[in-house]
Amino acid sequence: MKLGMNCNVKRVAILVATLSCLLSNSEAQAASKTSNMTVSLKVVAGCGISVSNMSFGTINSVTNQTATSNVIVTCNAGTFVQLSFTTTPSVGQPTLTANMTNLAGNKIGYTVKLAGWQGTIGGTTYGTTTMNGQVTPTPGAPAGYYQDTEALYVIY
């Protein structure tokens, strides 16, 4: 019996040696290829604008009421910007004269001026300014809720 057991041990040893040889040959035969990739990003000039509503309040008589509104501009650093009530960059309109209208079609005039700026937002990514509004005196204006919607542009 000892001889039979010895044979089994030898067979196991041969099997382990054969597997070891096969595994080491497959590792030696492994190949690899390489390829490079480019990682990139393009940042373009861009801005956002936020304007608070302007309310002249509740009044009995339309005289020289004033109000203010805040403007916050957020841009990529180093972007040259201009605020305007038009979209024409070279003209830039810092003053708006318009009318608020009620449901009956009555109008009350007003003027809004940018206290603002034009220039480069650099180092930081935002700028703030104020708009000042004034109602055109309108004696005897009919009672009602008057409203207008206008656009303020950040040109960059």
N, C-alpha and C. Protein backbone atom coordinates (compact mmCIF):
# COMPACT_ATOMS: atom_id res chain seq x y z
N MET A 1 0.79 -1.19 0.00
CA MET A 1 0.00 0.00 0.00
C MET A 1 0.83 1.25 0.00
N LYS A 2 1.94 1.18 0.57
CA LYS A 2 2.78 2.36 0.61
C LYS A 2 3.21 2.75 -0.79
N LEU A 3 3.41 1.75 -1.66
CA LEU A 3 3.82 2.06 -3.02
C LEU A 3 2.71 2.78 -3.77
N GLY A 4 1.46 2.36 -3.62
CA GLY A 4 0.33 3.00 -4.29
C GLY A 4 0.14 4.43 -3.83
N MET A 5 0.33 4.67 -2.58
CA MET A 5 0.18 6.00 -2.04
C MET A 5 1.27 6.92 -2.56
N ASN A 6 2.45 6.37 -2.69
CA ASN A 6 3.58 7.12 -3.23
C ASN A 6 3.30 7.56 -4.66
N CYS A 7 2.65 6.68 -5.42
CA CYS A 7 2.32 7.02 -6.82
C CYS A 7 1.34 8.16 -6.88
N ASN A 8 0.36 8.15 -6.00
CA ASN A 8 -0.63 9.24 -5.98
C ASN A 8 0.02 10.57 -5.64
N VAL A 9 0.95 10.57 -4.72
CA VAL A 9 1.66 11.80 -4.34
C VAL A 9 2.47 12.30 -5.53
N LYS A 10 3.10 11.37 -6.25
CA LYS A 10 3.88 11.77 -7.42
C LYS A 10 2.98 12.34 -8.49
N ARG A 11 1.82 11.73 -8.68
CA ARG A 11 0.88 12.24 -9.70
C ARG A 11 0.39 13.64 -9.35
N VAL A 12 0.10 13.84 -8.08
CA VAL A 12 -0.34 15.18 -7.63
C VAL A 12 0.78 16.18 -7.85
N ALA A 13 2.00 15.81 -7.53
CA ALA A 13 3.14 16.71 -7.71
C ALA A 13 3.34 17.04 -9.17
N ILE A 14 3.16 16.06 -10.04
CA ILE A 14 3.30 16.30 -11.49
C ILE A 14 2.18 17.22 -11.97
N LEU A 15 0.97 16.98 -11.48
CA LEU A 15 -0.18 17.79 -11.86
C LEU A 15 0.03 19.25 -11.42
N VAL A 16 0.48 19.46 -10.22
CA VAL A 16 0.75 20.82 -9.70
C VAL A 16 1.85 21.47 -10.53
N ALA A 17 2.87 20.75 -10.85
CA ALA A 17 3.97 21.30 -11.65
C ALA A 17 3.48 21.66 -13.04
N THR A 18 2.62 20.83 -13.63
CA THR A 18 2.09 21.09 -14.97
C THR A 18 1.21 22.33 -14.95
N LEU A 19 0.32 22.45 -13.98
CA LEU A 19 -0.56 23.63 -13.86
C LEU A 19 0.26 24.89 -13.64
N SER A 20 1.27 24.78 -12.81
CA SER A 20 2.14 25.92 -12.54
C SER A 20 2.83 26.37 -13.81
N CYS A 21 3.26 25.44 -14.59
CA CYS A 21 3.93 25.73 -15.86
C CYS A 21 2.97 26.40 -16.83
N LEU A 22 1.75 25.87 -16.90
CA LEU A 22 0.74 26.44 -17.81
C LEU A 22 0.40 27.87 -17.40
N LEU A 23 0.21 28.11 -16.09
CA LEU A 23 -0.12 29.45 -15.61
C LEU A 23 1.00 30.44 -15.88
N SER A 24 2.22 30.02 -15.63
CA SER A 24 3.34 30.95 -15.84
C SER A 24 3.53 31.23 -17.33
N ASN A 25 3.24 30.28 -18.20
CA ASN A 25 3.35 30.50 -19.64
C ASN A 25 2.27 31.46 -20.13
N SER A 26 1.06 31.36 -19.56
CA SER A 26 -0.01 32.26 -20.01
C SER A 26 0.28 33.69 -19.56
N GLU A 27 0.89 33.86 -18.41
CA GLU A 27 1.27 35.21 -17.98
C GLU A 27 2.38 35.76 -18.86
N ALA A 28 3.28 34.93 -19.24
CA ALA A 28 4.39 35.37 -20.08
C ALA A 28 3.90 35.72 -21.47
N GLN A 29 2.80 35.11 -21.91
CA GLN A 29 2.29 35.37 -23.24
C GLN A 29 1.33 36.55 -23.28
N ALA A 30 0.93 37.12 -22.12
CA ALA A 30 0.00 38.25 -22.09
C ALA A 30 0.64 39.45 -22.77
N ALA A 31 -0.16 40.15 -23.55
CA ALA A 31 0.35 41.32 -24.26
C ALA A 31 -0.51 42.53 -23.89
N SER A 32 0.00 43.70 -24.14
CA SER A 32 -0.80 44.91 -23.89
C SER A 32 -0.53 45.93 -24.98
N LYS A 33 -1.49 46.77 -25.20
CA LYS A 33 -1.38 47.87 -26.17
C LYS A 33 -1.74 49.13 -25.40
N THR A 34 -1.33 50.25 -25.89
CA THR A 34 -1.66 51.51 -25.22
C THR A 34 -2.16 52.52 -26.24
N SER A 35 -2.99 53.39 -25.77
CA SER A 35 -3.50 54.47 -26.60
C SER A 35 -3.68 55.68 -25.69
N ASN A 36 -3.39 56.83 -26.19
CA ASN A 36 -3.51 58.05 -25.40
C ASN A 36 -4.84 58.73 -25.68
N MET A 37 -5.35 59.46 -24.70
CA MET A 37 -6.55 60.25 -24.90
C MET A 37 -6.25 61.69 -24.51
N THR A 38 -6.93 62.60 -25.15
CA THR A 38 -6.80 64.01 -24.83
C THR A 38 -7.99 64.42 -23.99
N VAL A 39 -7.73 65.11 -22.91
CA VAL A 39 -8.78 65.63 -22.05
C VAL A 39 -8.76 67.14 -22.20
N SER A 40 -9.92 67.73 -22.52
CA SER A 40 -9.93 69.17 -22.76
C SER A 40 -11.22 69.81 -22.26
N LEU A 41 -11.19 71.12 -22.18
CA LEU A 41 -12.34 71.91 -21.76
C LEU A 41 -12.17 73.29 -22.35
N LYS A 42 -13.24 73.83 -22.92
CA LYS A 42 -13.20 75.19 -23.45
C LYS A 42 -14.19 76.02 -22.65
N VAL A 43 -13.71 77.08 -22.04
CA VAL A 43 -14.57 77.99 -21.29
C VAL A 43 -14.80 79.21 -22.17
N VAL A 44 -16.05 79.49 -22.44
CA VAL A 44 -16.38 80.65 -23.26
C VAL A 44 -16.93 81.75 -22.36
N ALA A 45 -16.85 82.97 -22.84
CA ALA A 45 -17.39 84.09 -22.09
C ALA A 45 -18.87 83.83 -21.84
N GLY A 46 -19.29 84.07 -20.65
CA GLY A 46 -20.70 83.85 -20.31
C GLY A 46 -21.09 84.67 -19.10
N CYS A 47 -22.33 85.09 -19.09
CA CYS A 47 -22.83 85.90 -17.98
C CYS A 47 -24.26 85.51 -17.64
N GLY A 48 -24.64 85.83 -16.44
CA GLY A 48 -26.01 85.71 -15.99
C GLY A 48 -26.39 87.03 -15.33
N ILE A 49 -27.68 87.33 -15.28
CA ILE A 49 -28.13 88.58 -14.69
C ILE A 49 -29.37 88.32 -13.86
N SER A 50 -29.46 89.01 -12.74
CA SER A 50 -30.62 88.92 -11.87
C SER A 50 -31.00 90.34 -11.46
N VAL A 51 -32.28 90.67 -11.62
CA VAL A 51 -32.75 92.02 -11.30
C VAL A 51 -33.94 91.91 -10.35
N SER A 52 -33.89 92.67 -9.27
CA SER A 52 -35.04 92.67 -8.36
C SER A 52 -36.13 93.58 -8.91
N ASN A 53 -37.37 93.30 -8.56
CA ASN A 53 -38.48 94.13 -9.01
C ASN A 53 -38.41 95.52 -8.39
N MET A 54 -38.97 96.50 -9.08
CA MET A 54 -38.99 97.88 -8.60
C MET A 54 -40.45 98.25 -8.31
N SER A 55 -40.71 98.66 -7.09
CA SER A 55 -42.07 99.05 -6.71
C SER A 55 -42.07 100.49 -6.21
N PHE A 56 -42.97 101.28 -6.76
CA PHE A 56 -43.12 102.67 -6.30
C PHE A 56 -44.11 102.75 -5.13
N GLY A 57 -44.62 101.62 -4.70
CA GLY A 57 -45.47 101.56 -3.53
C GLY A 57 -46.93 101.87 -3.82
N THR A 58 -47.67 102.20 -2.77
CA THR A 58 -49.08 102.56 -2.85
C THR A 58 -49.19 104.04 -2.51
N ILE A 59 -49.82 104.82 -3.37
CA ILE A 59 -49.85 106.27 -3.20
C ILE A 59 -51.26 106.82 -3.46
N ASN A 60 -51.51 108.06 -2.97
CA ASN A 60 -52.78 108.76 -3.22
C ASN A 60 -52.67 109.65 -4.44
N SER A 61 -51.51 110.24 -4.62
CA SER A 61 -51.30 111.20 -5.70
C SER A 61 -49.97 110.89 -6.37
N VAL A 62 -49.96 110.87 -7.69
CA VAL A 62 -48.73 110.55 -8.41
C VAL A 62 -47.89 111.82 -8.53
N THR A 63 -46.86 111.90 -7.69
CA THR A 63 -45.95 113.06 -7.75
C THR A 63 -44.56 112.57 -8.14
N ASN A 64 -43.58 112.80 -7.31
CA ASN A 64 -42.19 112.43 -7.65
C ASN A 64 -41.72 111.20 -6.88
N GLN A 65 -42.49 110.15 -6.88
CA GLN A 65 -42.09 108.93 -6.17
C GLN A 65 -40.82 108.35 -6.79
N THR A 66 -39.98 107.81 -5.91
CA THR A 66 -38.75 107.16 -6.37
C THR A 66 -38.71 105.73 -5.84
N ALA A 67 -37.94 104.92 -6.48
CA ALA A 67 -37.75 103.53 -6.05
C ALA A 67 -36.40 103.05 -6.57
N THR A 68 -35.91 101.96 -6.02
CA THR A 68 -34.65 101.38 -6.49
C THR A 68 -34.84 99.89 -6.74
N SER A 69 -33.91 99.36 -7.49
CA SER A 69 -33.87 97.94 -7.80
C SER A 69 -32.41 97.52 -7.82
N ASN A 70 -32.12 96.30 -7.41
CA ASN A 70 -30.74 95.80 -7.41
C ASN A 70 -30.49 94.91 -8.61
N VAL A 71 -29.29 95.04 -9.15
CA VAL A 71 -28.87 94.24 -10.29
C VAL A 71 -27.63 93.45 -9.88
N ILE A 72 -27.65 92.15 -10.12
CA ILE A 72 -26.49 91.31 -9.85
C ILE A 72 -26.10 90.62 -11.16
N VAL A 73 -24.85 90.79 -11.54
CA VAL A 73 -24.33 90.19 -12.77
C VAL A 73 -23.26 89.18 -12.39
N THR A 74 -23.36 87.98 -12.95
CA THR A 74 -22.38 86.92 -12.70
C THR A 74 -21.78 86.53 -14.05
N CYS A 75 -20.45 86.62 -14.15
CA CYS A 75 -19.76 86.31 -15.41
C CYS A 75 -18.49 85.52 -15.14
N ASN A 76 -17.95 84.94 -16.21
CA ASN A 76 -16.61 84.36 -16.12
C ASN A 76 -15.65 85.50 -15.80
N ALA A 77 -14.63 85.21 -15.03
CA ALA A 77 -13.63 86.22 -14.68
C ALA A 77 -13.00 86.80 -15.94
N GLY A 78 -12.79 88.10 -15.93
CA GLY A 78 -12.12 88.76 -17.05
C GLY A 78 -13.03 89.10 -18.20
N THR A 79 -14.34 88.95 -18.06
CA THR A 79 -15.29 89.23 -19.14
C THR A 79 -15.68 90.71 -19.11
N PHE A 80 -15.55 91.39 -20.24
CA PHE A 80 -15.97 92.79 -20.34
C PHE A 80 -17.47 92.81 -20.52
N VAL A 81 -18.16 93.57 -19.68
CA VAL A 81 -19.62 93.61 -19.74
C VAL A 81 -20.13 95.04 -19.76
N GLN A 82 -21.34 95.17 -20.25
CA GLN A 82 -22.04 96.45 -20.27
C GLN A 82 -23.51 96.15 -19.98
N LEU A 83 -24.13 96.95 -19.12
CA LEU A 83 -25.55 96.82 -18.85
C LEU A 83 -26.30 97.82 -19.71
N SER A 84 -27.44 97.39 -20.24
CA SER A 84 -28.18 98.27 -21.14
C SER A 84 -29.64 97.84 -21.21
N PHE A 85 -30.49 98.79 -21.57
CA PHE A 85 -31.89 98.48 -21.82
C PHE A 85 -32.12 98.13 -23.29
N THR A 86 -31.04 98.05 -24.07
CA THR A 86 -31.11 97.58 -25.46
C THR A 86 -30.07 96.47 -25.63
N THR A 87 -30.13 95.80 -26.76
CA THR A 87 -29.17 94.72 -27.01
C THR A 87 -28.03 95.15 -27.93
N THR A 88 -27.96 96.45 -28.23
CA THR A 88 -26.91 96.94 -29.12
C THR A 88 -25.67 97.29 -28.31
N PRO A 89 -24.59 96.51 -28.43
CA PRO A 89 -23.42 96.70 -27.59
C PRO A 89 -22.77 98.09 -27.71
N SER A 90 -22.66 98.61 -28.91
CA SER A 90 -21.94 99.87 -29.05
C SER A 90 -22.77 101.07 -28.60
N VAL A 91 -24.08 100.90 -28.53
CA VAL A 91 -24.95 102.02 -28.16
C VAL A 91 -25.16 102.05 -26.66
N GLY A 92 -25.50 100.93 -26.07
CA GLY A 92 -25.70 100.85 -24.63
C GLY A 92 -26.63 101.95 -24.11
N GLN A 93 -27.74 101.60 -23.59
CA GLN A 93 -28.70 102.59 -23.12
C GLN A 93 -28.86 102.44 -21.61
N PRO A 94 -28.26 103.35 -20.82
CA PRO A 94 -28.34 103.24 -19.37
C PRO A 94 -29.61 103.84 -18.77
N THR A 95 -30.48 104.44 -19.61
CA THR A 95 -31.71 105.07 -19.13
C THR A 95 -32.90 104.52 -19.91
N LEU A 96 -33.98 104.27 -19.20
CA LEU A 96 -35.20 103.78 -19.81
C LEU A 96 -36.33 104.73 -19.44
N THR A 97 -37.07 105.17 -20.44
CA THR A 97 -38.29 105.95 -20.22
C THR A 97 -39.43 105.15 -20.81
N ALA A 98 -40.43 104.84 -19.98
CA ALA A 98 -41.53 103.98 -20.43
C ALA A 98 -42.79 104.35 -19.65
N ASN A 99 -43.84 103.57 -19.87
CA ASN A 99 -45.12 103.78 -19.20
C ASN A 99 -45.59 102.51 -18.51
N MET A 100 -46.16 102.70 -17.33
CA MET A 100 -46.91 101.62 -16.68
C MET A 100 -48.36 101.81 -17.09
N THR A 101 -49.08 100.72 -17.30
CA THR A 101 -50.47 100.79 -17.77
C THR A 101 -51.36 100.01 -16.81
N ASN A 102 -52.58 100.51 -16.58
CA ASN A 102 -53.53 99.74 -15.77
C ASN A 102 -54.48 98.99 -16.70
N LEU A 103 -55.40 98.21 -16.13
CA LEU A 103 -56.31 97.39 -16.94
C LEU A 103 -57.21 98.22 -17.85
N ALA A 104 -57.50 99.47 -17.45
CA ALA A 104 -58.35 100.35 -18.27
C ALA A 104 -57.56 101.03 -19.38
N GLY A 105 -56.25 100.81 -19.42
CA GLY A 105 -55.42 101.41 -20.46
C GLY A 105 -54.84 102.76 -20.10
N ASN A 106 -55.05 103.23 -18.86
CA ASN A 106 -54.45 104.50 -18.41
C ASN A 106 -52.96 104.30 -18.20
N LYS A 107 -52.19 105.35 -18.42
CA LYS A 107 -50.72 105.25 -18.35
C LYS A 107 -50.15 106.24 -17.35
N ILE A 108 -49.08 105.80 -16.71
CA ILE A 108 -48.27 106.66 -15.86
C ILE A 108 -46.83 106.43 -16.30
N GLY A 109 -46.15 107.50 -16.64
CA GLY A 109 -44.77 107.39 -17.10
C GLY A 109 -43.77 107.22 -15.97
N TYR A 110 -42.65 106.69 -16.31
CA TYR A 110 -41.55 106.55 -15.34
C TYR A 110 -40.22 106.51 -16.08
N THR A 111 -39.17 106.76 -15.33
CA THR A 111 -37.81 106.69 -15.86
C THR A 111 -36.97 105.85 -14.92
N VAL A 112 -36.14 104.98 -15.49
CA VAL A 112 -35.21 104.17 -14.70
C VAL A 112 -33.81 104.44 -15.24
N LYS A 113 -32.88 104.72 -14.32
CA LYS A 113 -31.48 104.95 -14.70
C LYS A 113 -30.59 103.96 -13.98
N LEU A 114 -29.66 103.42 -14.74
CA LEU A 114 -28.66 102.54 -14.14
C LEU A 114 -27.65 103.41 -13.41
N ALA A 115 -27.43 103.13 -12.15
CA ALA A 115 -26.41 103.85 -11.41
C ALA A 115 -25.07 103.24 -11.77
N GLY A 116 -25.13 102.23 -12.55
CA GLY A 116 -24.19 101.20 -12.83
C GLY A 116 -22.87 101.48 -13.47
N TRP A 117 -22.43 100.46 -14.06
CA TRP A 117 -21.07 100.37 -14.54
C TRP A 117 -21.02 99.67 -15.87
N GLN A 118 -19.89 99.85 -16.47
CA GLN A 118 -19.53 99.03 -17.62
C GLN A 118 -18.06 98.78 -17.44
N GLY A 119 -17.63 97.63 -17.78
CA GLY A 119 -16.22 97.31 -17.62
C GLY A 119 -16.01 95.83 -17.45
N THR A 120 -14.80 95.50 -17.04
CA THR A 120 -14.41 94.11 -16.93
C THR A 120 -14.69 93.58 -15.54
N ILE A 121 -15.30 92.42 -15.50
CA ILE A 121 -15.43 91.71 -14.23
C ILE A 121 -14.22 90.78 -14.19
N GLY A 122 -13.27 91.12 -13.39
CA GLY A 122 -12.05 90.33 -13.31
C GLY A 122 -11.71 90.04 -11.87
N GLY A 123 -11.07 88.93 -11.63
CA GLY A 123 -10.70 88.57 -10.28
C GLY A 123 -11.89 87.97 -9.54
N THR A 124 -13.01 88.66 -9.55
CA THR A 124 -14.23 88.10 -8.98
C THR A 124 -15.13 87.72 -10.15
N THR A 125 -16.20 87.06 -9.87
CA THR A 125 -17.07 86.63 -10.96
C THR A 125 -18.41 87.35 -10.93
N TYR A 126 -18.52 88.42 -10.19
CA TYR A 126 -19.80 89.09 -10.15
C TYR A 126 -19.64 90.60 -9.96
N GLY A 127 -20.69 91.30 -10.24
CA GLY A 127 -20.75 92.73 -10.01
C GLY A 127 -22.17 93.09 -9.61
N THR A 128 -22.32 94.13 -8.82
CA THR A 128 -23.65 94.57 -8.42
C THR A 128 -23.79 96.06 -8.69
N THR A 129 -24.99 96.48 -8.94
CA THR A 129 -25.28 97.89 -9.12
C THR A 129 -26.74 98.13 -8.76
N THR A 130 -27.15 99.37 -8.83
CA THR A 130 -28.51 99.76 -8.48
C THR A 130 -29.14 100.48 -9.66
N MET A 131 -30.44 100.32 -9.81
CA MET A 131 -31.21 101.11 -10.76
C MET A 131 -32.09 102.05 -9.95
N ASN A 132 -32.15 103.30 -10.33
CA ASN A 132 -32.99 104.28 -9.66
C ASN A 132 -34.15 104.64 -10.56
N GLY A 133 -35.35 104.58 -10.00
CA GLY A 133 -36.55 104.88 -10.78
C GLY A 133 -37.28 106.10 -10.23
N GLN A 134 -37.94 106.79 -11.12
CA GLN A 134 -38.75 107.95 -10.71
C GLN A 134 -40.01 107.99 -11.58
N VAL A 135 -41.14 108.20 -10.91
CA VAL A 135 -42.43 108.29 -11.59
C VAL A 135 -42.60 109.70 -12.14
N THR A 136 -43.18 109.79 -13.33
CA THR A 136 -43.52 111.10 -13.90
C THR A 136 -44.77 111.61 -13.17
N PRO A 137 -44.71 112.82 -12.60
CA PRO A 137 -45.90 113.36 -11.92
C PRO A 137 -47.11 113.31 -12.86
N THR A 138 -48.21 112.74 -12.37
CA THR A 138 -49.42 112.59 -13.17
C THR A 138 -50.63 112.98 -12.30
N PRO A 139 -50.90 114.30 -12.15
CA PRO A 139 -52.03 114.71 -11.32
C PRO A 139 -53.33 114.14 -11.87
N GLY A 140 -54.18 113.69 -10.97
CA GLY A 140 -55.49 113.18 -11.37
C GLY A 140 -55.46 111.82 -12.03
N ALA A 141 -54.38 111.06 -11.87
CA ALA A 141 -54.32 109.72 -12.47
C ALA A 141 -55.41 108.85 -11.87
N PRO A 142 -56.15 108.11 -12.70
CA PRO A 142 -57.20 107.24 -12.18
C PRO A 142 -56.64 106.16 -11.26
N ALA A 143 -57.42 105.78 -10.26
CA ALA A 143 -57.01 104.71 -9.35
C ALA A 143 -56.86 103.41 -10.12
N GLY A 144 -55.97 102.58 -9.68
CA GLY A 144 -55.77 101.29 -10.32
C GLY A 144 -54.36 100.78 -10.10
N TYR A 145 -54.15 99.57 -10.50
CA TYR A 145 -52.82 98.95 -10.40
C TYR A 145 -52.14 99.12 -11.75
N TYR A 146 -51.01 99.81 -11.76
CA TYR A 146 -50.26 100.09 -12.98
C TYR A 146 -49.02 99.20 -12.99
N GLN A 147 -48.69 98.70 -14.18
CA GLN A 147 -47.55 97.78 -14.27
C GLN A 147 -46.93 97.85 -15.66
N ASP A 148 -45.65 97.53 -15.70
CA ASP A 148 -44.91 97.42 -16.96
C ASP A 148 -43.82 96.38 -16.76
N THR A 149 -43.42 95.74 -17.82
CA THR A 149 -42.31 94.79 -17.77
C THR A 149 -41.29 95.21 -18.82
N GLU A 150 -40.06 95.39 -18.39
CA GLU A 150 -38.97 95.78 -19.29
C GLU A 150 -37.80 94.82 -19.09
N ALA A 151 -36.92 94.79 -20.07
CA ALA A 151 -35.76 93.91 -20.00
C ALA A 151 -34.49 94.71 -19.78
N LEU A 152 -33.61 94.17 -18.97
CA LEU A 152 -32.28 94.72 -18.78
C LEU A 152 -31.30 93.66 -19.30
N TYR A 153 -30.38 94.09 -20.13
CA TYR A 153 -29.45 93.16 -20.77
C TYR A 153 -28.04 93.32 -20.22
N VAL A 154 -27.34 92.23 -20.08
CA VAL A 154 -25.91 92.26 -19.83
C VAL A 154 -25.28 91.85 -21.16
N ILE A 155 -24.50 92.76 -21.71
CA ILE A 155 -23.87 92.53 -23.02
C ILE A 155 -22.40 92.20 -22.76
N TYR A 156 -21.95 91.11 -23.33
CA TYR A 156 -20.56 90.67 -23.12
C TYR A 156 -19.98 90.14 -24.39
